[in-house]
Amino acid sequence: PSLNLAQAVAIMAYEVWNARGGEALPLKPPRREATPSTSGQLEQLFDDWHRALWAIDFFKTRRSESVMRSFREVMFRAGLDGREASLVRAIGIEVSRYLERVGAPLAGTPPAGLPPIGDTPGTTGYDA
């Protein structure tokens, strides 16, 4: 089996981190304050990323439920503020919209009931 580029980069980053002692670096405070993300913002983020991951066939060898559960846990641990949640959501939306723009067929079929990408009234993704 071979590694794709992302896997190789992740392994190298881990090894560099481990070599320097594996200690967490102190985080800088945000440049500007933002309100905490709401549960609604996070649900939109999860729906849009779920659809984007289906579009690139990420789930072809993985169970989408367990992947999305892990993704949710990571996002909750990150403690995203509203602005950060919008940015992460916008990246997921752009993955799907890019595929549509270039006419690439969507690789996977999302489960029934998942709302269309970015289809939430009054939201446009990242509003910096």
C-alpha atoms as a PDB file:
ATOM      1  CA  PRO A   1       0.000   0.000   0.000  1.00  0.00           C
ATOM      2  CA  SER A   2       1.157   3.532  -0.689  1.00  0.00           C
ATOM      3  CA  LEU A   3       0.540   6.794   1.125  1.00  0.00           C
ATOM      4  CA  ASN A   4      -1.155   9.700  -0.509  1.00  0.00           C
ATOM      5  CA  LEU A   5       0.381  13.147  -0.118  1.00  0.00           C
ATOM      6  CA  ALA A   6      -1.895  14.180   2.760  1.00  0.00           C
ATOM      7  CA  GLN A   7      -1.052  11.033   4.723  1.00  0.00           C
ATOM      8  CA  ALA A   8       2.673  11.524   4.124  1.00  0.00           C
ATOM      9  CA  VAL A   9       2.479  15.164   5.259  1.00  0.00           C
ATOM     10  CA  ALA A  10       0.531  14.168   8.381  1.00  0.00           C
ATOM     11  CA  ILE A  11       3.118  11.524   9.286  1.00  0.00           C
ATOM     12  CA  MET A  12       6.015  13.931   8.725  1.00  0.00           C
ATOM     13  CA  ALA A  13       4.316  16.641  10.795  1.00  0.00           C
ATOM     14  CA  TYR A  14       3.768  14.146  13.602  1.00  0.00           C
ATOM     15  CA  GLU A  15       7.401  13.031  13.496  1.00  0.00           C
ATOM     16  CA  VAL A  16       8.652  16.641  13.597  1.00  0.00           C
ATOM     17  CA  TRP A  17       6.298  17.403  16.487  1.00  0.00           C
ATOM     18  CA  ASN A  18       7.411  14.252  18.293  1.00  0.00           C
ATOM     19  CA  ALA A  19      11.113  15.059  17.705  1.00  0.00           C
ATOM     20  CA  ARG A  20      10.761  18.476  19.335  1.00  0.00           C
ATOM     21  CA  GLY A  21       9.357  16.907  22.474  1.00  0.00           C
ATOM     22  CA  GLY A  22       5.700  16.551  21.589  1.00  0.00           C
ATOM     23  CA  GLU A  23       4.690  19.520  23.692  1.00  0.00           C
ATOM     24  CA  ALA A  24       1.728  21.646  22.780  1.00  0.00           C
ATOM     25  CA  LEU A  25       2.581  25.169  21.689  1.00  0.00           C
ATOM     26  CA  PRO A  26       0.787  27.992  23.463  1.00  0.00           C
ATOM     27  CA  LEU A  27      -2.020  29.380  21.329  1.00  0.00           C
ATOM     28  CA  LYS A  28      -2.222  33.038  20.448  1.00  0.00           C
ATOM     29  CA  PRO A  29      -5.456  34.788  21.335  1.00  0.00           C
ATOM     30  CA  PRO A  30      -7.723  35.478  18.354  1.00  0.00           C
ATOM     31  CA  ARG A  31      -7.063  38.728  16.484  1.00  0.00           C
ATOM     32  CA  ARG A  32     -10.614  39.802  17.078  1.00  0.00           C
ATOM     33  CA  GLU A  33     -13.280  38.562  19.390  1.00  0.00           C
ATOM     34  CA  ALA A  34     -16.231  36.680  17.977  1.00  0.00           C
ATOM     35  CA  THR A  35     -19.295  35.138  19.523  1.00  0.00           C
ATOM     36  CA  PRO A  36     -19.201  31.400  20.160  1.00  0.00           C
ATOM     37  CA  SER A  37     -20.560  29.228  17.381  1.00  0.00           C
ATOM     38  CA  THR A  38     -24.164  28.166  17.786  1.00  0.00           C
ATOM     39  CA  SER A  39     -25.409  24.602  17.551  1.00  0.00           C
ATOM     40  CA  GLY A  40     -27.208  25.626  14.350  1.00  0.00           C
ATOM     41  CA  GLN A  41     -23.969  26.872  12.769  1.00  0.00           C
ATOM     42  CA  LEU A  42     -22.202  23.646  13.687  1.00  0.00           C
ATOM     43  CA  GLU A  43     -25.013  21.472  12.312  1.00  0.00           C
ATOM     44  CA  GLN A  44     -24.820  23.383   9.005  1.00  0.00           C
ATOM     45  CA  LEU A  45     -21.046  22.893   8.997  1.00  0.00           C
ATOM     46  CA  PHE A  46     -21.439  19.143   9.582  1.00  0.00           C
ATOM     47  CA  ASP A  47     -24.117  18.781   6.883  1.00  0.00           C
ATOM     48  CA  ASP A  48     -22.051  20.664   4.300  1.00  0.00           C
ATOM     49  CA  TRP A  49     -18.879  18.715   5.087  1.00  0.00           C
ATOM     50  CA  HIS A  50     -20.822  15.439   5.032  1.00  0.00           C
ATOM     51  CA  ARG A  51     -22.070  16.272   1.532  1.00  0.00           C
ATOM     52  CA  ALA A  52     -18.602  17.447   0.394  1.00  0.00           C
ATOM     53  CA  LEU A  53     -16.964  14.246   1.621  1.00  0.00           C
ATOM     54  CA  TRP A  54     -19.569  12.214  -0.274  1.00  0.00           C
ATOM     55  CA  ALA A  55     -18.875  14.296  -3.385  1.00  0.00           C
ATOM     56  CA  ILE A  56     -15.181  13.373  -3.360  1.00  0.00           C
ATOM     57  CA  ASP A  57     -15.944   9.707  -2.553  1.00  0.00           C
ATOM     58  CA  PHE A  58     -14.208   9.911   0.807  1.00  0.00           C
ATOM     59  CA  PHE A  59     -16.527   7.273   2.250  1.00  0.00           C
ATOM     60  CA  LYS A  60     -15.842   4.598  -0.376  1.00  0.00           C
ATOM     61  CA  THR A  61     -13.852   2.548   2.143  1.00  0.00           C
ATOM     62  CA  ARG A  62     -15.109   4.105   5.375  1.00  0.00           C
ATOM     63  CA  ARG A  63     -18.409   4.181   7.232  1.00  0.00           C
ATOM     64  CA  SER A  64     -19.736   7.712   6.934  1.00  0.00           C
ATOM     65  CA  GLU A  65     -21.419   7.569  10.346  1.00  0.00           C
ATOM     66  CA  SER A  66     -18.200   6.821  12.232  1.00  0.00           C
ATOM     67  CA  VAL A  67     -16.163   9.326  10.202  1.00  0.00           C
ATOM     68  CA  MET A  68     -18.705  12.075  10.782  1.00  0.00           C
ATOM     69  CA  ARG A  69     -18.912  11.211  14.492  1.00  0.00           C
ATOM     70  CA  SER A  70     -15.120  11.654  14.738  1.00  0.00           C
ATOM     71  CA  PHE A  71     -15.296  14.864  12.667  1.00  0.00           C
ATOM     72  CA  ARG A  72     -17.971  16.233  15.022  1.00  0.00           C
ATOM     73  CA  GLU A  73     -15.856  15.370  18.081  1.00  0.00           C
ATOM     74  CA  VAL A  74     -12.835  17.171  16.617  1.00  0.00           C
ATOM     75  CA  MET A  75     -14.882  20.281  15.804  1.00  0.00           C
ATOM     76  CA  PHE A  76     -16.470  20.327  19.270  1.00  0.00           C
ATOM     77  CA  ARG A  77     -13.046  19.969  20.933  1.00  0.00           C
ATOM     78  CA  ALA A  78     -11.735  22.840  18.807  1.00  0.00           C
ATOM     79  CA  GLY A  79     -14.291  25.174  20.376  1.00  0.00           C
ATOM     80  CA  LEU A  80     -14.829  27.174  17.181  1.00  0.00           C
ATOM     81  CA  ASP A  81     -16.236  30.657  17.438  1.00  0.00           C
ATOM     82  CA  GLY A  82     -18.913  31.745  14.970  1.00  0.00           C
ATOM     83  CA  ARG A  83     -16.433  33.233  12.504  1.00  0.00           C
ATOM     84  CA  GLU A  84     -14.226  30.139  12.537  1.00  0.00           C
ATOM     85  CA  ALA A  85     -17.229  27.840  12.108  1.00  0.00           C
ATOM     86  CA  SER A  86     -18.311  29.887   9.083  1.00  0.00           C
ATOM     87  CA  LEU A  87     -14.826  29.624   7.580  1.00  0.00           C
ATOM     88  CA  VAL A  88     -14.625  25.842   8.043  1.00  0.00           C
ATOM     89  CA  ARG A  89     -18.146  25.485   6.647  1.00  0.00           C
ATOM     90  CA  ALA A  90     -17.267  27.641   3.627  1.00  0.00           C
ATOM     91  CA  ILE A  91     -14.341  25.349   2.801  1.00  0.00           C
ATOM     92  CA  GLY A  92     -16.690  22.350   2.725  1.00  0.00           C
ATOM     93  CA  ILE A  93     -19.187  24.232   0.562  1.00  0.00           C
ATOM     94  CA  GLU A  94     -16.443  25.293  -1.850  1.00  0.00           C
ATOM     95  CA  VAL A  95     -15.312  21.679  -2.361  1.00  0.00           C
ATOM     96  CA  SER A  96     -18.744  20.758  -3.706  1.00  0.00           C
ATOM     97  CA  ARG A  97     -19.235  23.977  -5.651  1.00  0.00           C
ATOM     98  CA  TYR A  98     -15.829  23.601  -7.296  1.00  0.00           C
ATOM     99  CA  LEU A  99     -16.765  20.137  -8.518  1.00  0.00           C
ATOM    100  CA  GLU A 100     -20.002  21.571  -9.924  1.00  0.00           C
ATOM    101  CA  ARG A 101     -18.153  24.454 -11.658  1.00  0.00           C
ATOM    102  CA  VAL A 102     -15.650  22.201 -13.389  1.00  0.00           C
ATOM    103  CA  GLY A 103     -18.372  19.748 -14.359  1.00  0.00           C
ATOM    104  CA  ALA A 104     -16.846  16.873 -12.424  1.00  0.00           C
ATOM    105  CA  PRO A 105     -19.327  14.133 -11.636  1.00  0.00           C
ATOM    106  CA  LEU A 106     -19.975  13.741  -7.938  1.00  0.00           C
ATOM    107  CA  ALA A 107     -18.221  10.550  -6.908  1.00  0.00           C
ATOM    108  CA  GLY A 108     -20.538   9.418  -4.130  1.00  0.00           C
ATOM    109  CA  THR A 109     -24.229   9.676  -3.389  1.00  0.00           C
ATOM    110  CA  PRO A 110     -25.049  11.307  -0.060  1.00  0.00           C
ATOM    111  CA  PRO A 111     -27.686   9.700   2.145  1.00  0.00           C
ATOM    112  CA  ALA A 112     -31.312  10.751   1.710  1.00  0.00           C
ATOM    113  CA  GLY A 113     -32.360  13.635   3.912  1.00  0.00           C
ATOM    114  CA  LEU A 114     -29.028  15.461   3.828  1.00  0.00           C
ATOM    115  CA  PRO A 115     -29.813  19.062   2.818  1.00  0.00           C
ATOM    116  CA  PRO A 116     -28.232  20.448  -0.371  1.00  0.00           C
ATOM    117  CA  ILE A 117     -24.822  22.034   0.066  1.00  0.00           C
ATOM    118  CA  GLY A 118     -24.981  25.502   1.572  1.00  0.00           C
ATOM    119  CA  ASP A 119     -28.778  25.369   1.457  1.00  0.00           C
ATOM    120  CA  THR A 120     -29.597  27.253   4.609  1.00  0.00           C
ATOM    121  CA  PRO A 121     -31.655  30.439   4.337  1.00  0.00           C
ATOM    122  CA  GLY A 122     -29.681  33.534   5.226  1.00  0.00           C
ATOM    123  CA  THR A 123     -26.259  31.904   5.104  1.00  0.00           C
ATOM    124  CA  THR A 124     -23.598  32.212   2.477  1.00  0.00           C
ATOM    125  CA  GLY A 125     -20.694  30.466   4.129  1.00  0.00           C
ATOM    126  CA  TYR A 126     -17.739  32.523   5.288  1.00  0.00           C
ATOM    127  CA  ASP A 127     -18.472  36.119   6.167  1.00  0.00           C
ATOM    128  CA  ALA A 128     -15.129  37.579   7.267  1.00  0.00           C
END
